[in-house]
Amino acid sequence: MPLNTEDVKKIAHLARLAIKEEDVHLYVKNLSDILNFAEQMNGVDTQGVTPMAHPQDATQRLREDKVTEPDQRERFQHIAPATESGLYLVPRVIE
């Protein structure tokens, strides 16, 4: 799917990207190459191939779910500028 300069300028406008006029032809070539590669990948027969989440058959190491730090809420709230009912009070930012 080859792109032209107008296509690239429209894409840049929609993405709110500034592209120098002298660089437009480079973007045309690069984006066209990317789209051609995607089309080529669509042509690959994947019938019978099981989708996978990761290229290696590995599982994530998990740690034991236990408390490792003491509760310091009172200490932190004592030095906070403003608290109420265990919550930190902050200035309103949305009217």
C-alpha atoms as a PDB file:
ATOM      1  CA  MET A   1       0.000   0.000   0.000  1.00  0.00           C
ATOM      2  CA  PRO A   2       2.118   2.906  -1.205  1.00  0.00           C
ATOM      3  CA  LEU A   3       1.469   6.305   0.322  1.00  0.00           C
ATOM      4  CA  ASN A   4       1.899   9.679  -1.312  1.00  0.00           C
ATOM      5  CA  THR A   5       3.007  13.004   0.152  1.00  0.00           C
ATOM      6  CA  GLU A   6      -0.563  14.155   0.738  1.00  0.00           C
ATOM      7  CA  ASP A   7      -1.320  10.985   2.719  1.00  0.00           C
ATOM      8  CA  VAL A   8       1.709  11.561   4.958  1.00  0.00           C
ATOM      9  CA  LYS A   9       0.844  15.210   5.491  1.00  0.00           C
ATOM     10  CA  LYS A  10      -2.717  14.257   6.444  1.00  0.00           C
ATOM     11  CA  ILE A  11      -1.484  11.552   8.842  1.00  0.00           C
ATOM     12  CA  ALA A  12       0.939  14.030  10.419  1.00  0.00           C
ATOM     13  CA  HIS A  13      -1.844  16.593  10.796  1.00  0.00           C
ATOM     14  CA  LEU A  14      -4.181  14.058  12.424  1.00  0.00           C
ATOM     15  CA  ALA A  15      -1.399  12.966  14.793  1.00  0.00           C
ATOM     16  CA  ARG A  16      -0.532  16.617  15.476  1.00  0.00           C
ATOM     17  CA  LEU A  17       3.063  16.064  14.345  1.00  0.00           C
ATOM     18  CA  ALA A  18       5.195  18.726  12.728  1.00  0.00           C
ATOM     19  CA  ILE A  19       7.107  17.435   9.709  1.00  0.00           C
ATOM     20  CA  LYS A  20       9.583  19.519   7.761  1.00  0.00           C
ATOM     21  CA  GLU A  21       8.707  19.763   4.080  1.00  0.00           C
ATOM     22  CA  GLU A  22      12.122  18.406   3.057  1.00  0.00           C
ATOM     23  CA  ASP A  23      11.577  15.289   5.228  1.00  0.00           C
ATOM     24  CA  VAL A  24       8.153  14.354   3.829  1.00  0.00           C
ATOM     25  CA  HIS A  25       9.608  12.119   1.106  1.00  0.00           C
ATOM     26  CA  LEU A  26      11.529  10.128   3.760  1.00  0.00           C
ATOM     27  CA  TYR A  27       8.335   9.585   5.728  1.00  0.00           C
ATOM     28  CA  VAL A  28       6.520   8.517   2.564  1.00  0.00           C
ATOM     29  CA  LYS A  29       9.142   5.850   1.916  1.00  0.00           C
ATOM     30  CA  ASN A  30       9.422   4.664   5.537  1.00  0.00           C
ATOM     31  CA  LEU A  31       5.678   4.495   6.168  1.00  0.00           C
ATOM     32  CA  SER A  32       5.088   2.763   2.832  1.00  0.00           C
ATOM     33  CA  ASP A  33       7.771   0.191   3.711  1.00  0.00           C
ATOM     34  CA  ILE A  34       6.123  -0.443   7.088  1.00  0.00           C
ATOM     35  CA  LEU A  35       2.683  -0.899   5.517  1.00  0.00           C
ATOM     36  CA  ASN A  36       4.120  -3.191   2.822  1.00  0.00           C
ATOM     37  CA  PHE A  37       5.766  -5.306   5.521  1.00  0.00           C
ATOM     38  CA  ALA A  38       2.465  -5.537   7.409  1.00  0.00           C
ATOM     39  CA  GLU A  39       0.738  -6.690   4.215  1.00  0.00           C
ATOM     40  CA  GLN A  40       3.489  -9.250   3.686  1.00  0.00           C
ATOM     41  CA  MET A  41       2.990 -10.536   7.242  1.00  0.00           C
ATOM     42  CA  ASN A  42      -0.764 -10.864   6.594  1.00  0.00           C
ATOM     43  CA  GLY A  43       0.077 -13.232   3.734  1.00  0.00           C
ATOM     44  CA  VAL A  44       1.836 -15.730   6.024  1.00  0.00           C
ATOM     45  CA  ASP A  45      -0.120 -18.942   6.618  1.00  0.00           C
ATOM     46  CA  THR A  46      -0.650 -19.202  10.385  1.00  0.00           C
ATOM     47  CA  GLN A  47      -3.210 -21.992  10.247  1.00  0.00           C
ATOM     48  CA  GLY A  48      -2.545 -24.376  13.116  1.00  0.00           C
ATOM     49  CA  VAL A  49      -0.095 -22.056  14.891  1.00  0.00           C
ATOM     50  CA  THR A  50      -0.987 -21.607  18.549  1.00  0.00           C
ATOM     51  CA  PRO A  51      -0.937 -17.954  19.669  1.00  0.00           C
ATOM     52  CA  MET A  52       1.473 -17.261  22.478  1.00  0.00           C
ATOM     53  CA  ALA A  53       1.937 -14.440  24.947  1.00  0.00           C
ATOM     54  CA  HIS A  54       5.726 -14.739  25.038  1.00  0.00           C
ATOM     55  CA  PRO A  55       8.255 -16.282  22.637  1.00  0.00           C
ATOM     56  CA  GLN A  56       9.843 -18.287  25.451  1.00  0.00           C
ATOM     57  CA  ASP A  57       7.994 -20.911  27.422  1.00  0.00           C
ATOM     58  CA  ALA A  58       8.596 -19.289  30.803  1.00  0.00           C
ATOM     59  CA  THR A  59       6.532 -18.546  33.856  1.00  0.00           C
ATOM     60  CA  GLN A  60       6.861 -15.489  36.019  1.00  0.00           C
ATOM     61  CA  ARG A  61       8.512 -15.928  39.379  1.00  0.00           C
ATOM     62  CA  LEU A  62       6.106 -15.000  42.132  1.00  0.00           C
ATOM     63  CA  ARG A  63       6.955 -14.052  45.681  1.00  0.00           C
ATOM     64  CA  GLU A  64       5.009 -14.945  48.775  1.00  0.00           C
ATOM     65  CA  ASP A  65       2.258 -12.414  49.496  1.00  0.00           C
ATOM     66  CA  LYS A  66       3.202 -11.260  52.982  1.00  0.00           C
ATOM     67  CA  VAL A  67       3.718  -7.936  54.732  1.00  0.00           C
ATOM     68  CA  THR A  68       7.398  -6.945  54.741  1.00  0.00           C
ATOM     69  CA  GLU A  69       7.209  -3.360  56.000  1.00  0.00           C
ATOM     70  CA  PRO A  70       5.684  -1.929  59.172  1.00  0.00           C
ATOM     71  CA  ASP A  71       2.629   0.336  59.024  1.00  0.00           C
ATOM     72  CA  GLN A  72       3.958   3.922  59.170  1.00  0.00           C
ATOM     73  CA  ARG A  73       0.752   5.722  58.249  1.00  0.00           C
ATOM     74  CA  GLU A  74       0.569   7.715  61.505  1.00  0.00           C
ATOM     75  CA  ARG A  75       4.186   8.840  61.121  1.00  0.00           C
ATOM     76  CA  PHE A  76       3.658  10.030  57.532  1.00  0.00           C
ATOM     77  CA  GLN A  77       0.338  11.698  58.246  1.00  0.00           C
ATOM     78  CA  HIS A  78       1.824  13.493  61.244  1.00  0.00           C
ATOM     79  CA  ILE A  79       4.233  15.383  58.926  1.00  0.00           C
ATOM     80  CA  ALA A  80       1.662  15.954  56.158  1.00  0.00           C
ATOM     81  CA  PRO A  81       0.289  19.508  55.767  1.00  0.00           C
ATOM     82  CA  ALA A  82      -3.366  18.436  56.090  1.00  0.00           C
ATOM     83  CA  THR A  83      -5.138  15.155  56.845  1.00  0.00           C
ATOM     84  CA  GLU A  84      -8.640  14.122  57.826  1.00  0.00           C
ATOM     85  CA  SER A  85      -9.989  10.692  58.811  1.00  0.00           C
ATOM     86  CA  GLY A  86      -6.776   9.015  57.679  1.00  0.00           C
ATOM     87  CA  LEU A  87      -6.777  10.722  54.259  1.00  0.00           C
ATOM     88  CA  TYR A  88      -4.426  13.337  52.842  1.00  0.00           C
ATOM     89  CA  LEU A  89      -6.138  16.622  51.983  1.00  0.00           C
ATOM     90  CA  VAL A  90      -4.940  18.391  48.841  1.00  0.00           C
ATOM     91  CA  PRO A  91      -5.982  21.644  47.163  1.00  0.00           C
ATOM     92  CA  ARG A  92      -8.878  21.396  44.694  1.00  0.00           C
ATOM     93  CA  VAL A  93      -7.605  21.413  41.102  1.00  0.00           C
ATOM     94  CA  ILE A  94     -10.891  21.000  39.207  1.00  0.00           C
ATOM     95  CA  GLU A  95     -13.686  23.494  39.669  1.00  0.00           C
END
